[in-house]
């Protein structure tokens, strides 16, 4: 206990260079910053980091509509095949160099080679060329309707604009420098993984003039310094907020909300219109037993969403049972494929696994130890698997290690995996194109590597649809097919309000998905 207290005090201590006049925002997030390349990983904390450091061409607002961000003007040809973009004035990287179309094009190509939404967009792009240093042109082979929404998405992975030298890095390799043109500068020399990450106000940043709205509008660096302090123990983090040692607590445990609601100077804030998180069980389609669709479907019989949601959230006020892959409460919610959840039956799960060829081999589950929602959800799944008689190889590790290991395609016995649990943002999951985890792009897709051409055709058809009725019809067909193939197993959705010191900070911009830290000012 003493060691933990000393670690927290050390993380909260200001460096000697800080002055009494410096306005510092101290925030505890849901995870520690271990990766500084928001394109290389879908990890939420890496993209919160990325949203501070990098800017994007567009930003989707609170109504999920794309608005220009780095772009000043743009034109779309009458046939919707040619987009011409002009960068706005005042864009500079943190090293002082101007942002040019060379940087933009290299960044879009890197993001488009790695991110699922970017891959889909680039599949329609036949040309991406610079006209001059501030103007570039994107030419499509078909009138794809999700160009601007893709460039402005507010979930992982954001279409971050980097310097050309970093953007030319192989997208399968991490960028080692975080030099963007966003509202804050990453102080890499003060970064201590496992303790804190530090960001300094970009005094040269020129915000837009529109009112902030999620990822759109003005990104105003309202404090001199942001410290993302890592406190693994949620009770210690809550105490730090109540005692005024931190200003912002992104993801407090539901159990603490009544206490926080009564704490002097503390307020709770809902982050957006949709539930913030959808939980998912991801199976590895590359290796036995889950390279067999029957084995994947067997896992549905182990999931009672209420069990997961009670363990994670507890209070029904903050969660919702949702048997679909597209966010319940969103514009494309439907019941396609929901019949898979009608029969919770662990013994049937084992029977179907055996019919699929399972002979009792260990199934490797990556068991996160330090995440306030993923950890309890994983424990619920492991318990259900063991009660069914499945041989579980639970390998305990911190969330950062899971993020690294889930990228491995080797068999479980050679350092790979069979199952891990994660979550995705409710905003992204509400749209079949922006919802990267619903994809099945084989080895070009996300970890787990589902592979089904029909799913990808349906996602393409959604992007090309000419009416809302057509989109809704396609969304139901897509969800039905994706659940049949088990791209992942959802275990419900929830929304945890963030907590903050209302007596010390102001100007929080609500955003479901990635927490927005620009706009915050210190009183």
Protein backbone atom coordinates (compact mmCIF):
# COMPACT_ATOMS: atom_id res chain seq x y z
CA UNK A 1 0.00 0.00 0.00
CA UNK A 2 2.83 2.39 0.85
CA UNK A 3 4.59 1.60 -2.43
CA UNK A 4 1.37 2.30 -4.38
CA UNK A 5 0.85 5.61 -2.54
CA UNK A 6 4.41 6.71 -3.26
CA UNK A 7 3.96 5.82 -6.94
CA UNK A 8 0.78 7.88 -7.16
CA UNK A 9 2.36 10.86 -5.43
CA UNK A 10 5.34 10.66 -7.77
CA UNK A 11 3.06 10.59 -10.80
CA UNK A 12 1.14 13.62 -9.55
CA UNK A 13 4.22 15.65 -8.72
CA UNK A 14 5.03 18.57 -11.02
CA UNK A 15 8.49 18.71 -12.54
CA UNK A 16 10.86 21.34 -11.25
CA UNK A 17 10.47 23.32 -14.47
CA UNK A 18 6.77 23.96 -13.83
CA UNK A 19 5.85 27.37 -12.52
CA UNK A 20 3.11 28.43 -10.17
CA UNK A 21 1.37 30.22 -13.06
CA UNK A 22 1.31 27.16 -15.34
CA UNK A 23 -2.20 25.77 -15.82
CA UNK A 24 -2.02 21.96 -15.61
CA UNK A 25 -4.79 19.47 -16.32
CA UNK A 26 -4.24 16.14 -14.58
CA UNK A 27 -6.37 13.32 -15.94
CA UNK A 28 -6.65 9.62 -15.17
CA UNK A 29 -7.69 7.65 -18.24
CA UNK A 30 -8.95 4.09 -18.65
CA UNK A 31 -5.49 2.81 -19.63
CA UNK A 32 -1.82 3.76 -19.66
CA UNK A 33 -0.19 5.31 -22.73
CA UNK A 34 2.18 2.63 -24.02
CA UNK A 35 1.90 3.14 -27.81
CA UNK A 36 2.23 6.56 -29.48
CA UNK A 37 1.23 5.59 -33.02
CA UNK A 38 -2.58 5.90 -33.37
CA UNK A 39 -2.58 4.32 -36.84
CA UNK A 40 -0.62 1.19 -35.90
CA UNK A 41 -3.14 0.19 -33.21
CA UNK A 42 -6.88 0.46 -32.57
CA UNK A 43 -6.13 0.88 -28.86
CA UNK A 44 -8.39 3.64 -27.54
CA UNK A 45 -5.78 5.29 -25.31
CA UNK A 46 -3.30 5.49 -28.22
CA UNK A 47 -5.95 7.29 -30.24
CA UNK A 48 -6.80 9.67 -27.39
CA UNK A 49 -3.08 10.46 -27.40
CA UNK A 50 -3.19 10.79 -31.19
CA UNK A 51 -6.15 13.17 -31.12
CA UNK A 52 -4.16 15.55 -28.89
CA UNK A 53 -1.02 15.47 -31.02
CA UNK A 54 -2.33 15.10 -34.57
CA UNK A 55 -5.05 16.83 -36.53
CA UNK A 56 -7.42 15.33 -39.10
CA UNK A 57 -8.76 16.60 -42.43
CA UNK A 58 -12.35 16.38 -41.23
CA UNK A 59 -14.04 15.84 -37.87
CA UNK A 60 -17.40 14.18 -37.32
CA UNK A 61 -19.65 16.30 -35.11
CA UNK A 62 -22.08 15.28 -32.37
CA UNK A 63 -24.68 14.40 -35.03
CA UNK A 64 -22.13 12.15 -36.81
CA UNK A 65 -21.88 14.64 -39.69
CA UNK A 66 -18.40 15.36 -41.15
CA UNK A 67 -17.14 18.94 -40.91
CA UNK A 68 -13.91 20.41 -42.35
CA UNK A 69 -11.03 20.50 -39.87
CA UNK A 70 -7.60 20.87 -41.55
CA UNK A 71 -9.43 21.39 -44.84
CA UNK A 72 -10.42 24.96 -45.62
CA UNK A 73 -12.44 24.41 -48.79
CA UNK A 74 -13.45 21.38 -50.81
CA UNK A 75 -15.44 20.56 -53.93
CA UNK A 76 -17.17 17.38 -55.08
CA UNK A 77 -17.71 16.88 -58.81
CA UNK A 78 -21.31 16.39 -60.05
CA UNK A 79 -20.64 12.68 -60.71
CA UNK A 80 -19.29 12.34 -57.10
CA UNK A 81 -16.06 10.81 -58.37
CA UNK A 82 -13.60 13.66 -57.85
CA UNK A 83 -12.94 15.42 -54.52
CA UNK A 84 -10.71 18.50 -54.49
CA UNK A 85 -9.43 19.65 -51.09
CA UNK A 86 -7.62 22.87 -50.12
CA UNK A 87 -5.84 22.98 -46.75
CA UNK A 88 -6.66 25.92 -44.52
CA UNK A 89 -4.12 28.56 -43.54
CA UNK A 90 -1.95 28.35 -40.44
CA UNK A 91 -1.20 24.60 -40.38
CA UNK A 92 2.25 23.85 -38.93
CA UNK A 93 3.85 20.79 -37.42
CA UNK A 94 5.31 20.98 -33.93
CA UNK A 95 8.82 21.27 -35.38
CA UNK A 96 7.76 24.46 -37.17
CA UNK A 97 7.55 23.00 -40.67
CA UNK A 98 4.41 23.72 -42.72
CA UNK A 99 1.84 21.01 -43.37
CA UNK A 100 1.80 20.28 -47.10
CA UNK A 101 -0.14 17.98 -49.36
CA UNK A 102 2.90 15.64 -49.46
CA UNK A 103 2.41 15.03 -45.73
CA UNK A 104 -1.35 14.63 -46.16
CA UNK A 105 -1.16 12.16 -49.05
CA UNK A 106 1.48 10.00 -47.34
CA UNK A 107 -0.60 10.00 -44.14
CA UNK A 108 -3.83 9.03 -45.89
CA UNK A 109 -2.05 6.22 -47.72
CA UNK A 110 -0.54 4.84 -44.50
CA UNK A 111 -3.83 5.05 -42.60
CA UNK A 112 -5.63 3.59 -45.61
CA UNK A 113 -3.32 0.59 -45.65
CA UNK A 114 -3.85 -0.21 -41.95
CA UNK A 115 -7.26 0.95 -40.75
CA UNK A 116 -10.34 -1.00 -41.85
CA UNK A 117 -12.31 2.14 -42.75
CA UNK A 118 -9.29 3.53 -44.57
CA UNK A 119 -8.77 0.29 -46.47
CA UNK A 120 -12.36 0.41 -47.71
CA UNK A 121 -12.04 4.04 -48.77
CA UNK A 122 -8.74 3.46 -50.56
CA UNK A 123 -10.31 0.51 -52.37
CA UNK A 124 -12.34 3.08 -54.31
CA UNK A 125 -9.50 5.56 -54.84
CA UNK A 126 -7.88 5.48 -58.29
CA UNK A 127 -5.77 8.62 -57.81
CA UNK A 128 -4.58 10.70 -54.88
CA UNK A 129 -2.38 13.52 -56.15
CA UNK A 130 -1.03 16.88 -55.09
CA UNK A 131 -2.05 19.87 -57.20
CA UNK A 132 0.19 22.20 -55.20
CA UNK A 133 1.40 22.47 -51.60
CA UNK A 134 -2.11 23.22 -50.29
CA UNK A 135 -4.39 21.49 -52.81
CA UNK A 136 -4.84 17.79 -53.50
CA UNK A 137 -7.29 15.68 -55.44
CA UNK A 138 -8.90 12.31 -54.72
CA UNK A 139 -10.46 10.43 -57.65
CA UNK A 140 -12.82 7.47 -57.12
CA UNK A 141 -13.83 4.63 -59.44
CA UNK A 142 -17.39 4.64 -58.04
CA UNK A 143 -19.45 7.29 -56.16
CA UNK A 144 -18.63 6.01 -52.67
CA UNK A 145 -20.74 7.95 -50.18
CA UNK A 146 -18.60 7.69 -47.03
CA UNK A 147 -15.46 9.63 -48.02
CA UNK A 148 -15.79 12.56 -45.63
CA UNK A 149 -17.22 10.48 -42.76
CA UNK A 150 -14.25 8.12 -43.07
CA UNK A 151 -11.69 10.93 -42.95
CA UNK A 152 -13.43 12.49 -39.94
CA UNK A 153 -14.24 9.46 -37.80
CA UNK A 154 -13.89 9.93 -34.07
CA UNK A 155 -13.10 6.33 -33.13
CA UNK A 156 -10.01 4.20 -33.51
CA UNK A 157 -8.04 4.55 -35.66
CA UNK A 158 -8.24 8.23 -36.50
CA UNK A 159 -6.98 9.44 -39.89
CA UNK A 160 -4.06 11.28 -38.26
CA UNK A 161 -2.01 13.59 -40.48
CA UNK A 162 1.72 13.07 -39.82
CA UNK A 163 4.88 14.49 -41.32
CA UNK A 164 5.74 12.73 -44.56
CA UNK A 165 8.88 11.19 -43.04
CA UNK A 166 6.83 9.36 -40.37
CA UNK A 167 3.92 8.64 -42.70
CA UNK A 168 6.24 6.73 -45.04
CA UNK A 169 6.85 4.21 -42.22
CA UNK A 170 5.55 0.73 -42.98
CA UNK A 171 2.03 0.68 -41.41
CA UNK A 172 2.88 -2.68 -39.81
CA UNK A 173 5.69 -0.93 -37.90
CA UNK A 174 5.20 1.65 -35.15
CA UNK A 175 6.10 5.28 -35.73
CA UNK A 176 8.65 6.20 -33.05
CA UNK A 177 8.16 9.99 -33.07
CA UNK A 178 4.87 11.73 -32.30
CA UNK A 179 5.21 15.08 -34.09
CA UNK A 180 1.88 16.32 -35.36
CA UNK A 181 0.14 19.63 -35.99
CA UNK A 182 -2.57 19.27 -33.34
CA UNK A 183 -3.37 21.43 -30.31
CA UNK A 184 -0.85 19.73 -27.99
CA UNK A 185 2.80 18.71 -28.28
CA UNK A 186 3.85 15.32 -26.93
CA UNK A 187 6.69 15.77 -24.40
CA UNK A 188 8.41 12.50 -25.18
CA UNK A 189 11.31 13.27 -22.83
CA UNK A 190 8.82 13.36 -19.92
CA UNK A 191 6.91 10.22 -20.92
CA UNK A 192 7.18 7.45 -18.33
CA UNK A 193 5.15 4.37 -19.38
CA UNK A 194 3.41 3.04 -16.31
CA UNK A 195 3.38 6.49 -14.71
CA UNK A 196 2.33 9.39 -16.96
CA UNK A 197 2.36 10.96 -20.41
CA UNK A 198 2.79 14.73 -20.76
CA UNK A 199 1.47 17.12 -23.42
CA UNK A 200 2.36 20.79 -23.79
CA UNK A 201 0.21 23.53 -25.30
CA UNK A 202 0.93 24.15 -28.97
CA UNK A 203 1.09 27.95 -28.95
CA UNK A 204 1.22 28.04 -32.75
CA UNK A 205 -2.01 26.10 -33.20
CA UNK A 206 -4.73 28.02 -35.04
CA UNK A 207 -8.16 26.65 -34.06
CA UNK A 208 -11.16 26.79 -36.33
CA UNK A 209 -13.78 29.43 -35.51
CA UNK A 210 -16.80 27.12 -35.28
CA UNK A 211 -18.12 25.98 -31.90
CA UNK A 212 -16.65 22.65 -30.70
CA UNK A 213 -18.83 19.59 -31.38
CA UNK A 214 -17.27 16.18 -30.74
CA UNK A 215 -14.36 15.99 -33.21
CA UNK A 216 -15.50 19.03 -35.20
CA UNK A 217 -15.13 22.76 -34.65
CA UNK A 218 -12.53 24.62 -32.63
CA UNK A 219 -9.83 22.55 -30.92
CA UNK A 220 -8.67 25.06 -28.32
CA UNK A 221 -5.64 24.13 -26.18
CA UNK A 222 -7.06 25.56 -22.98
CA UNK A 223 -4.30 24.62 -20.53
CA UNK A 224 -0.51 24.86 -20.67
CA UNK A 225 0.09 21.24 -19.83
CA UNK A 226 -1.87 17.98 -19.78
CA UNK A 227 -0.69 15.05 -17.69
CA UNK A 228 -2.30 11.67 -18.32
CA UNK A 229 -1.53 10.06 -14.99
CA UNK A 230 -1.72 6.27 -14.77
CA UNK A 231 -3.36 5.02 -11.58
CA UNK A 232 -4.22 1.35 -12.05
CA UNK A 233 -6.32 1.00 -8.90
CA UNK A 234 -9.75 2.60 -9.54
CA UNK A 235 -10.40 3.32 -5.87
CA UNK A 236 -7.11 5.19 -5.58
CA UNK A 237 -8.02 7.16 -8.70
CA UNK A 238 -11.44 8.03 -7.27
CA UNK A 239 -9.84 9.22 -4.04
CA UNK A 240 -7.38 11.32 -6.03
CA UNK A 241 -10.30 13.08 -7.77
CA UNK A 242 -12.27 13.63 -4.56
CA UNK A 243 -9.16 14.97 -2.81
CA UNK A 244 -8.36 17.33 -5.68
CA UNK A 245 -5.11 15.61 -6.72
CA UNK A 246 -6.47 15.12 -10.26
CA UNK A 247 -9.01 17.10 -12.27
CA UNK A 248 -10.52 14.55 -14.68
CA UNK A 249 -11.39 10.84 -14.32
CA UNK A 250 -12.35 9.36 -17.67
CA UNK A 251 -13.85 6.02 -16.67
CA UNK A 252 -14.81 5.68 -12.99
CA UNK A 253 -16.24 2.38 -11.81
CA UNK A 254 -20.03 2.35 -11.74
CA UNK A 255 -19.88 1.44 -8.03
CA UNK A 256 -18.22 4.79 -7.33
CA UNK A 257 -20.77 6.98 -9.13
CA UNK A 258 -23.06 7.55 -6.10
CA UNK A 259 -20.05 8.68 -4.05
CA UNK A 260 -18.75 10.91 -6.83
CA UNK A 261 -22.18 12.45 -7.38
CA UNK A 262 -22.18 13.57 -3.73
CA UNK A 263 -18.53 14.67 -3.54
CA UNK A 264 -18.04 18.40 -3.15
CA UNK A 265 -16.77 20.04 -6.34
CA UNK A 266 -17.20 16.87 -8.47
CA UNK A 267 -19.64 16.46 -11.35
CA UNK A 268 -20.56 13.58 -13.66
CA UNK A 269 -20.99 14.08 -17.42
CA UNK A 270 -22.55 11.78 -20.04
CA UNK A 271 -20.24 11.64 -23.03
CA UNK A 272 -22.73 11.61 -25.92
CA UNK A 273 -26.08 10.58 -27.39
CA UNK A 274 -25.22 6.89 -27.91
CA UNK A 275 -23.88 4.36 -25.41
CA UNK A 276 -20.14 4.78 -25.25
CA UNK A 277 -19.02 1.15 -25.47
CA UNK A 278 -20.06 -2.14 -27.00
CA UNK A 279 -18.39 -5.21 -25.52
CA UNK A 280 -17.06 -7.93 -27.78
CA UNK A 281 -15.55 -11.40 -27.60
CA UNK A 282 -13.10 -11.82 -30.46
CA UNK A 283 -12.24 -15.29 -31.73
CA UNK A 284 -9.19 -16.15 -33.83
CA UNK A 285 -10.43 -17.46 -37.18
CA UNK A 286 -6.96 -18.59 -38.29
CA UNK A 287 -6.46 -21.56 -35.96
CA UNK A 288 -8.46 -24.48 -34.49
CA UNK A 289 -10.99 -24.71 -33.11
CA UNK A 290 -12.39 -21.38 -34.32
CA UNK A 291 -11.33 -21.76 -37.94
CA UNK A 292 -14.54 -23.83 -38.03
CA UNK A 293 -17.72 -21.74 -38.16
CA UNK A 294 -19.63 -24.34 -36.13
CA UNK A 295 -17.13 -23.98 -33.29
CA UNK A 296 -17.48 -20.20 -33.44
CA UNK A 297 -21.27 -20.43 -33.32
CA UNK A 298 -21.00 -22.76 -30.32
CA UNK A 299 -19.62 -19.85 -28.28
CA UNK A 300 -22.93 -17.96 -28.51
CA UNK A 301 -24.37 -20.54 -26.09
CA UNK A 302 -21.88 -19.37 -23.40
CA UNK A 303 -23.00 -15.74 -23.43
CA UNK A 304 -25.73 -14.41 -21.18
CA UNK A 305 -25.27 -10.67 -21.67
CA UNK A 306 -26.77 -9.84 -18.28
CA UNK A 307 -23.96 -11.80 -16.59
CA UNK A 308 -21.33 -9.73 -18.37
CA UNK A 309 -23.09 -6.40 -17.89
CA UNK A 310 -23.76 -6.95 -14.20
CA UNK A 311 -20.08 -7.80 -13.67
CA UNK A 312 -18.87 -4.77 -15.61
CA UNK A 313 -21.45 -2.14 -14.78
CA UNK A 314 -23.83 -3.47 -12.14
CA UNK A 315 -26.45 -0.73 -12.39
CA UNK A 316 -29.02 -1.35 -15.19
CA UNK A 317 -29.37 2.41 -15.52
CA UNK A 318 -26.03 2.46 -17.33
CA UNK A 319 -26.23 -0.66 -19.52
CA UNK A 320 -28.36 -2.23 -22.22
CA UNK A 321 -28.69 -5.80 -23.47
CA UNK A 322 -28.13 -5.62 -27.22
CA UNK A 323 -27.99 -8.75 -29.35
CA UNK A 324 -26.84 -6.95 -32.48
CA UNK A 325 -23.48 -5.84 -33.84
CA UNK A 326 -24.79 -2.40 -34.85
CA UNK A 327 -25.34 -0.13 -31.85
CA UNK A 328 -28.78 -0.38 -30.26
CA UNK A 329 -30.28 3.10 -30.25
CA UNK A 330 -28.37 4.00 -33.40
CA UNK A 331 -29.83 4.66 -36.85
CA UNK A 332 -29.18 1.12 -38.15
CA UNK A 333 -30.19 -0.99 -35.15
CA UNK A 334 -31.89 -4.19 -36.28
CA UNK A 335 -32.62 -7.75 -35.13
CA UNK A 336 -30.72 -9.59 -37.87
CA UNK A 337 -28.94 -12.64 -36.42
CA UNK A 338 -30.22 -12.07 -32.89
CA UNK A 339 -31.69 -15.61 -32.80
CA UNK A 340 -28.19 -16.89 -31.97
CA UNK A 341 -28.66 -15.52 -28.43
CA UNK A 342 -31.94 -17.32 -27.67
CA UNK A 343 -30.37 -20.39 -26.08
CA UNK A 344 -27.87 -19.88 -23.26
CA UNK A 345 -26.67 -23.46 -22.77
CA UNK A 346 -23.04 -24.15 -21.80
CA UNK A 347 -23.42 -27.93 -22.26
CA UNK A 348 -24.71 -27.38 -25.78
CA UNK A 349 -21.68 -25.16 -26.43
CA UNK A 350 -19.34 -28.03 -25.54
CA UNK A 351 -21.38 -30.48 -27.62
CA UNK A 352 -21.20 -28.23 -30.71
CA UNK A 353 -17.47 -27.69 -30.18
CA UNK A 354 -16.94 -31.45 -30.14
CA UNK A 355 -19.02 -31.82 -33.30
CA UNK A 356 -16.72 -29.25 -34.89
CA UNK A 357 -13.67 -31.38 -34.04
CA UNK A 358 -12.69 -30.05 -30.62
CA UNK A 359 -11.00 -32.80 -28.57
CA UNK A 360 -10.25 -31.00 -25.33
CA UNK A 361 -7.20 -29.06 -26.49
CA UNK A 362 -6.41 -25.97 -24.40
CA UNK A 363 -8.08 -22.80 -25.68
CA UNK A 364 -5.84 -19.81 -25.03
CA UNK A 365 -7.63 -16.78 -23.59
CA UNK A 366 -5.71 -13.52 -23.18
CA UNK A 367 -6.84 -12.50 -19.70
CA UNK A 368 -6.38 -8.79 -19.09
CA UNK A 369 -5.53 -7.98 -15.48
CA UNK A 370 -5.66 -4.16 -15.29
CA UNK A 371 -8.68 -2.92 -17.25
CA UNK A 372 -11.81 -1.87 -15.37
CA UNK A 373 -14.26 -3.40 -17.89
CA UNK A 374 -12.28 -5.94 -19.93
CA UNK A 375 -10.88 -7.69 -16.84
CA UNK A 376 -14.25 -8.60 -15.24
CA UNK A 377 -15.76 -9.47 -18.64
CA UNK A 378 -12.91 -11.89 -19.32
CA UNK A 379 -13.41 -13.51 -15.93
CA UNK A 380 -17.11 -14.07 -16.71
CA UNK A 381 -16.26 -15.75 -20.01
CA UNK A 382 -13.55 -17.96 -18.50
CA UNK A 383 -15.93 -19.11 -15.77
CA UNK A 384 -18.63 -19.96 -18.33
CA UNK A 385 -16.13 -21.89 -20.47
CA UNK A 386 -14.87 -23.89 -17.52
CA UNK A 387 -18.40 -24.65 -16.31
CA UNK A 388 -19.11 -26.02 -19.80
CA UNK A 389 -16.11 -28.36 -19.50
CA UNK A 390 -13.84 -26.51 -21.94
CA UNK A 391 -10.09 -26.70 -21.32
CA UNK A 392 -9.14 -23.04 -20.76
CA UNK A 393 -5.56 -21.78 -20.89
CA UNK A 394 -6.00 -18.35 -19.28
CA UNK A 395 -2.85 -16.30 -19.78
CA UNK A 396 -2.86 -13.29 -17.48
CA UNK A 397 -1.22 -10.05 -18.63
CA UNK A 398 -1.78 -6.31 -18.59
CA UNK A 399 -3.85 -4.67 -21.32
CA UNK A 400 -0.77 -3.27 -23.06
CA UNK A 401 0.59 -6.80 -23.44
CA UNK A 402 -2.73 -8.03 -24.81
CA UNK A 403 -2.63 -5.26 -27.41
CA UNK A 404 0.79 -6.43 -28.55
CA UNK A 405 0.05 -10.16 -28.48
CA UNK A 406 -3.29 -10.01 -30.28
CA UNK A 407 -1.43 -8.90 -33.43
CA UNK A 408 0.39 -12.26 -33.59
CA UNK A 409 -0.88 -14.69 -36.23
CA UNK A 410 1.13 -17.67 -34.95
CA UNK A 411 -0.72 -20.63 -33.39
CA UNK A 412 -1.50 -20.28 -29.67
CA UNK A 413 1.25 -22.76 -28.74
CA UNK A 414 3.75 -20.50 -30.50
CA UNK A 415 2.77 -17.25 -28.81
CA UNK A 416 -0.57 -16.63 -30.51
CA UNK A 417 -4.07 -16.82 -29.05
CA UNK A 418 -7.64 -18.09 -29.46
CA UNK A 419 -9.77 -15.49 -27.65
CA UNK A 420 -9.50 -11.98 -26.29
CA UNK A 421 -12.11 -9.51 -25.09
CA UNK A 422 -12.27 -5.85 -25.98
CA UNK A 423 -14.76 -3.06 -26.58
CA UNK A 424 -15.55 -0.69 -29.40
CA UNK A 425 -17.07 2.77 -29.45
CA UNK A 426 -20.83 3.02 -29.79
CA UNK A 427 -20.58 5.78 -32.38
CA UNK A 428 -18.38 3.84 -34.77
CA UNK A 429 -20.37 0.65 -34.22
CA UNK A 430 -23.56 2.43 -35.27
CA UNK A 431 -22.44 2.66 -38.91
CA UNK A 432 -21.62 -0.48 -40.99
CA UNK A 433 -18.73 1.24 -42.78
CA UNK A 434 -17.15 2.99 -39.79
CA UNK A 435 -17.57 -0.15 -37.66
CA UNK A 436 -14.24 -1.81 -38.48
CA UNK A 437 -14.79 -4.83 -36.21
CA UNK A 438 -17.80 -5.97 -38.25
CA UNK A 439 -15.56 -6.43 -41.28
CA UNK A 440 -14.26 -9.72 -42.67
CA UNK A 441 -11.34 -8.66 -44.83
CA UNK A 442 -9.28 -11.79 -44.10
CA UNK A 443 -5.61 -11.16 -43.27
CA UNK A 444 -5.97 -7.46 -44.12
CA UNK A 445 -8.56 -7.08 -41.37
CA UNK A 446 -8.36 -6.61 -37.63
CA UNK A 447 -7.02 -9.14 -35.13
CA UNK A 448 -9.01 -12.35 -35.36
CA UNK A 449 -9.00 -12.06 -39.16
CA UNK A 450 -12.56 -13.07 -40.13
CA UNK A 451 -12.74 -13.84 -43.82
CA UNK A 452 -15.95 -13.58 -45.83
CA UNK A 453 -16.28 -11.83 -49.23
CA UNK A 454 -20.06 -11.47 -48.89
CA UNK A 455 -19.70 -9.38 -45.71
CA UNK A 456 -17.26 -7.07 -47.49
CA UNK A 457 -19.62 -6.78 -50.50
CA UNK A 458 -22.45 -5.75 -48.20
CA UNK A 459 -20.30 -3.09 -46.53
CA UNK A 460 -19.39 -1.77 -49.96
CA UNK A 461 -23.05 -1.77 -50.97
CA UNK A 462 -23.91 0.27 -47.87
CA UNK A 463 -21.37 2.92 -48.85
CA UNK A 464 -22.77 3.09 -52.39
CA UNK A 465 -26.46 3.05 -51.40
CA UNK A 466 -28.48 5.99 -52.75
CA UNK A 467 -31.27 6.07 -50.13
CA UNK A 468 -31.69 5.64 -46.39
CA UNK A 469 -34.21 2.83 -46.84
CA UNK A 470 -31.68 0.94 -48.96
CA UNK A 471 -29.01 1.45 -46.30
CA UNK A 472 -31.25 0.06 -43.57
CA UNK A 473 -32.06 -3.01 -45.66
CA UNK A 474 -28.36 -3.64 -46.34
CA UNK A 475 -27.50 -3.09 -42.66
CA UNK A 476 -29.84 -5.90 -41.61
CA UNK A 477 -28.48 -8.27 -44.27
CA UNK A 478 -24.94 -7.41 -43.19
CA UNK A 479 -25.55 -7.96 -39.48
CA UNK A 480 -27.29 -11.29 -40.17
CA UNK A 481 -24.36 -12.53 -42.25
CA UNK A 482 -21.73 -11.22 -39.82
CA UNK A 483 -23.38 -12.93 -36.86
CA UNK A 484 -23.71 -16.15 -38.82
CA UNK A 485 -19.96 -16.06 -39.48
CA UNK A 486 -19.28 -14.83 -35.90
CA UNK A 487 -17.01 -11.89 -36.70
CA UNK A 488 -17.31 -11.34 -32.95
CA UNK A 489 -19.77 -12.02 -30.13
CA UNK A 490 -21.31 -8.90 -28.55
CA UNK A 491 -22.08 -8.94 -24.83
CA UNK A 492 -24.06 -5.72 -24.54
CA UNK A 493 -23.40 -2.01 -24.41
CA UNK A 494 -22.97 0.55 -21.67
CA UNK A 495 -22.16 4.13 -20.95
CA UNK A 496 -20.07 5.31 -18.04
CA UNK A 497 -20.16 9.05 -17.35
CA UNK A 498 -16.83 10.74 -16.83
CA UNK A 499 -16.14 12.56 -13.57
CA UNK A 500 -14.38 15.88 -13.17
CA UNK A 501 -13.67 18.71 -10.75
CA UNK A 502 -16.28 21.27 -11.77
CA UNK A 503 -14.80 23.70 -9.26
CA UNK A 504 -11.47 23.64 -11.14
CA UNK A 505 -12.05 22.93 -14.83
CA UNK A 506 -14.55 23.93 -17.48
CA UNK A 507 -15.17 23.55 -21.23
CA UNK A 508 -15.30 19.74 -21.58
CA UNK A 509 -16.38 18.76 -25.10
CA UNK A 510 -18.57 15.61 -24.82
CA UNK A 511 -17.63 12.88 -27.27
CA UNK A 512 -18.68 9.24 -27.25
CA UNK A 513 -15.66 7.07 -27.95
CA UNK A 514 -12.39 8.95 -27.65
CA UNK A 515 -12.27 11.37 -24.71
CA UNK A 516 -11.67 14.93 -25.94
CA UNK A 517 -9.25 16.95 -23.80
CA UNK A 518 -8.91 20.07 -25.92
CA UNK A 519 -11.30 22.88 -24.96
CA UNK A 520 -10.79 22.27 -21.24
CA UNK A 521 -9.76 25.34 -19.27
CA UNK A 522 -8.51 25.64 -15.71
CA UNK A 523 -10.30 28.05 -13.38
